[in-house]
Amino acid sequence: MGTIGDWGLIFAISLSLGLYGWARTMDAKTIKLGRSLAGWCLLSSALCIGGAFRVEAFLVPLVFITVPAAVAGVALIYFARARGEQQSAPEPRD
């Protein structure tokens, strides 16, 4: 399952990638920045765990950590985006 050094490296890299992805998508249209940051960190964590532990060492407990983190990360990134501005009703013409 890896040493504490492996998990520390995974945490550092995934946090860096998560902040980078979050900063790239941060603009005026993104409403829920906290949700977007959490999504990017979860997705990058799943990618780092998958990259650190190869297929031979990828045990069942890691699958139960990685798959939900990847799915939740993608869902949070998707639902954090703005869905379009609500337009006000057109003003009546006289």
C-alpha atoms as a PDB file:
ATOM      1  CA  MET A   1       0.000   0.000   0.000  1.00  0.00           C
ATOM      2  CA  GLY A   2       3.037   2.267  -0.120  1.00  0.00           C
ATOM      3  CA  THR A   3       5.074   4.083   2.465  1.00  0.00           C
ATOM      4  CA  ILE A   4       4.283   7.399   4.109  1.00  0.00           C
ATOM      5  CA  GLY A   5       6.743   8.986   1.689  1.00  0.00           C
ATOM      6  CA  ASP A   6       4.765   7.657  -1.277  1.00  0.00           C
ATOM      7  CA  TRP A   7       1.511   9.054   0.096  1.00  0.00           C
ATOM      8  CA  GLY A   8       3.164  12.396   0.894  1.00  0.00           C
ATOM      9  CA  LEU A   9       4.432  12.628  -2.667  1.00  0.00           C
ATOM     10  CA  ILE A  10       0.999  11.719  -4.031  1.00  0.00           C
ATOM     11  CA  PHE A  11      -0.593  14.388  -1.837  1.00  0.00           C
ATOM     12  CA  ALA A  12       1.906  17.081  -2.883  1.00  0.00           C
ATOM     13  CA  ILE A  13       1.638  16.352  -6.599  1.00  0.00           C
ATOM     14  CA  SER A  14      -2.150  16.037  -6.571  1.00  0.00           C
ATOM     15  CA  LEU A  15      -2.532  19.301  -4.644  1.00  0.00           C
ATOM     16  CA  SER A  16      -0.229  21.061  -7.119  1.00  0.00           C
ATOM     17  CA  LEU A  17      -2.088  19.661 -10.127  1.00  0.00           C
ATOM     18  CA  GLY A  18      -5.432  20.441  -8.502  1.00  0.00           C
ATOM     19  CA  LEU A  19      -4.488  24.066  -7.877  1.00  0.00           C
ATOM     20  CA  TYR A  20      -3.121  24.373 -11.415  1.00  0.00           C
ATOM     21  CA  GLY A  21      -6.324  22.987 -12.951  1.00  0.00           C
ATOM     22  CA  TRP A  22      -8.438  25.186 -10.707  1.00  0.00           C
ATOM     23  CA  ALA A  23      -6.458  28.310 -11.613  1.00  0.00           C
ATOM     24  CA  ARG A  24      -6.824  27.530 -15.315  1.00  0.00           C
ATOM     25  CA  THR A  25     -10.615  27.304 -15.088  1.00  0.00           C
ATOM     26  CA  MET A  26     -11.054  30.282 -12.778  1.00  0.00           C
ATOM     27  CA  ASP A  27     -12.783  33.059 -14.644  1.00  0.00           C
ATOM     28  CA  ALA A  28     -15.765  35.345 -14.255  1.00  0.00           C
ATOM     29  CA  LYS A  29     -18.185  32.647 -15.418  1.00  0.00           C
ATOM     30  CA  THR A  30     -17.196  30.085 -12.776  1.00  0.00           C
ATOM     31  CA  ILE A  31     -19.587  30.538  -9.906  1.00  0.00           C
ATOM     32  CA  LYS A  32     -18.736  27.776  -7.469  1.00  0.00           C
ATOM     33  CA  LEU A  33     -14.973  28.051  -7.021  1.00  0.00           C
ATOM     34  CA  GLY A  34     -14.850  25.805  -3.940  1.00  0.00           C
ATOM     35  CA  ARG A  35     -16.609  23.013  -5.788  1.00  0.00           C
ATOM     36  CA  SER A  36     -14.260  23.412  -8.718  1.00  0.00           C
ATOM     37  CA  LEU A  37     -11.177  23.299  -6.462  1.00  0.00           C
ATOM     38  CA  ALA A  38     -12.420  20.172  -4.685  1.00  0.00           C
ATOM     39  CA  GLY A  39     -13.150  18.512  -8.038  1.00  0.00           C
ATOM     40  CA  TRP A  40      -9.710  19.263  -9.447  1.00  0.00           C
ATOM     41  CA  CYS A  41      -7.984  18.020  -6.268  1.00  0.00           C
ATOM     42  CA  LEU A  42     -10.005  14.786  -6.228  1.00  0.00           C
ATOM     43  CA  LEU A  43      -9.414  14.116  -9.910  1.00  0.00           C
ATOM     44  CA  SER A  44      -5.691  14.781  -9.673  1.00  0.00           C
ATOM     45  CA  SER A  45      -5.509  12.585  -6.541  1.00  0.00           C
ATOM     46  CA  ALA A  46      -7.084   9.719  -8.430  1.00  0.00           C
ATOM     47  CA  LEU A  47      -4.664  10.187 -11.313  1.00  0.00           C
ATOM     48  CA  CYS A  48      -1.656  10.332  -8.982  1.00  0.00           C
ATOM     49  CA  ILE A  49      -2.719   7.215  -7.084  1.00  0.00           C
ATOM     50  CA  GLY A  50      -3.190   5.389 -10.360  1.00  0.00           C
ATOM     51  CA  GLY A  51       0.201   6.542 -11.571  1.00  0.00           C
ATOM     52  CA  ALA A  52       2.073   5.750  -8.366  1.00  0.00           C
ATOM     53  CA  PHE A  53       0.784   2.216  -7.900  1.00  0.00           C
ATOM     54  CA  ARG A  54       1.121   0.219 -11.071  1.00  0.00           C
ATOM     55  CA  VAL A  55      -1.382  -2.404 -12.183  1.00  0.00           C
ATOM     56  CA  GLU A  56       0.471  -5.200 -10.409  1.00  0.00           C
ATOM     57  CA  ALA A  57       0.330  -3.399  -7.059  1.00  0.00           C
ATOM     58  CA  PHE A  58      -3.131  -1.901  -7.539  1.00  0.00           C
ATOM     59  CA  LEU A  59      -5.042  -3.689  -4.794  1.00  0.00           C
ATOM     60  CA  VAL A  60      -8.786  -3.734  -4.183  1.00  0.00           C
ATOM     61  CA  PRO A  61      -8.688  -1.070  -1.413  1.00  0.00           C
ATOM     62  CA  LEU A  62      -6.999   1.324  -3.811  1.00  0.00           C
ATOM     63  CA  VAL A  63      -9.748   0.746  -6.350  1.00  0.00           C
ATOM     64  CA  PHE A  64     -12.326   1.702  -3.710  1.00  0.00           C
ATOM     65  CA  ILE A  65     -10.396   4.942  -3.137  1.00  0.00           C
ATOM     66  CA  THR A  66      -9.469   5.837  -6.713  1.00  0.00           C
ATOM     67  CA  VAL A  67     -12.680   5.217  -8.658  1.00  0.00           C
ATOM     68  CA  PRO A  68     -14.996   7.247  -6.370  1.00  0.00           C
ATOM     69  CA  ALA A  69     -12.414  10.058  -6.214  1.00  0.00           C
ATOM     70  CA  ALA A  70     -12.221  10.216 -10.016  1.00  0.00           C
ATOM     71  CA  VAL A  71     -16.007  10.106 -10.463  1.00  0.00           C
ATOM     72  CA  ALA A  72     -16.601  12.705  -7.740  1.00  0.00           C
ATOM     73  CA  GLY A  73     -13.879  14.937  -9.181  1.00  0.00           C
ATOM     74  CA  VAL A  74     -15.359  14.896 -12.664  1.00  0.00           C
ATOM     75  CA  ALA A  75     -18.868  15.487 -11.283  1.00  0.00           C
ATOM     76  CA  LEU A  76     -17.748  18.423  -9.135  1.00  0.00           C
ATOM     77  CA  ILE A  77     -15.871  20.032 -12.008  1.00  0.00           C
ATOM     78  CA  TYR A  78     -18.874  19.565 -14.299  1.00  0.00           C
ATOM     79  CA  PHE A  79     -21.415  20.983 -11.838  1.00  0.00           C
ATOM     80  CA  ALA A  80     -19.172  23.895 -10.790  1.00  0.00           C
ATOM     81  CA  ARG A  81     -19.369  25.489 -14.209  1.00  0.00           C
ATOM     82  CA  ALA A  82     -21.870  28.249 -14.831  1.00  0.00           C
ATOM     83  CA  ARG A  83     -24.960  27.117 -16.683  1.00  0.00           C
ATOM     84  CA  GLY A  84     -25.727  30.338 -18.472  1.00  0.00           C
ATOM     85  CA  GLU A  85     -26.895  33.615 -17.165  1.00  0.00           C
ATOM     86  CA  GLN A  86     -30.506  34.079 -16.198  1.00  0.00           C
ATOM     87  CA  GLN A  87     -31.870  36.659 -18.507  1.00  0.00           C
ATOM     88  CA  SER A  88     -34.272  39.229 -17.212  1.00  0.00           C
ATOM     89  CA  ALA A  89     -37.664  39.466 -18.827  1.00  0.00           C
ATOM     90  CA  PRO A  90     -37.755  41.790 -21.803  1.00  0.00           C
ATOM     91  CA  GLU A  91     -39.059  45.216 -21.007  1.00  0.00           C
ATOM     92  CA  PRO A  92     -42.523  45.906 -22.421  1.00  0.00           C
ATOM     93  CA  ARG A  93     -42.640  48.369 -25.287  1.00  0.00           C
ATOM     94  CA  ASP A  94     -45.000  51.285 -25.113  1.00  0.00           C
END
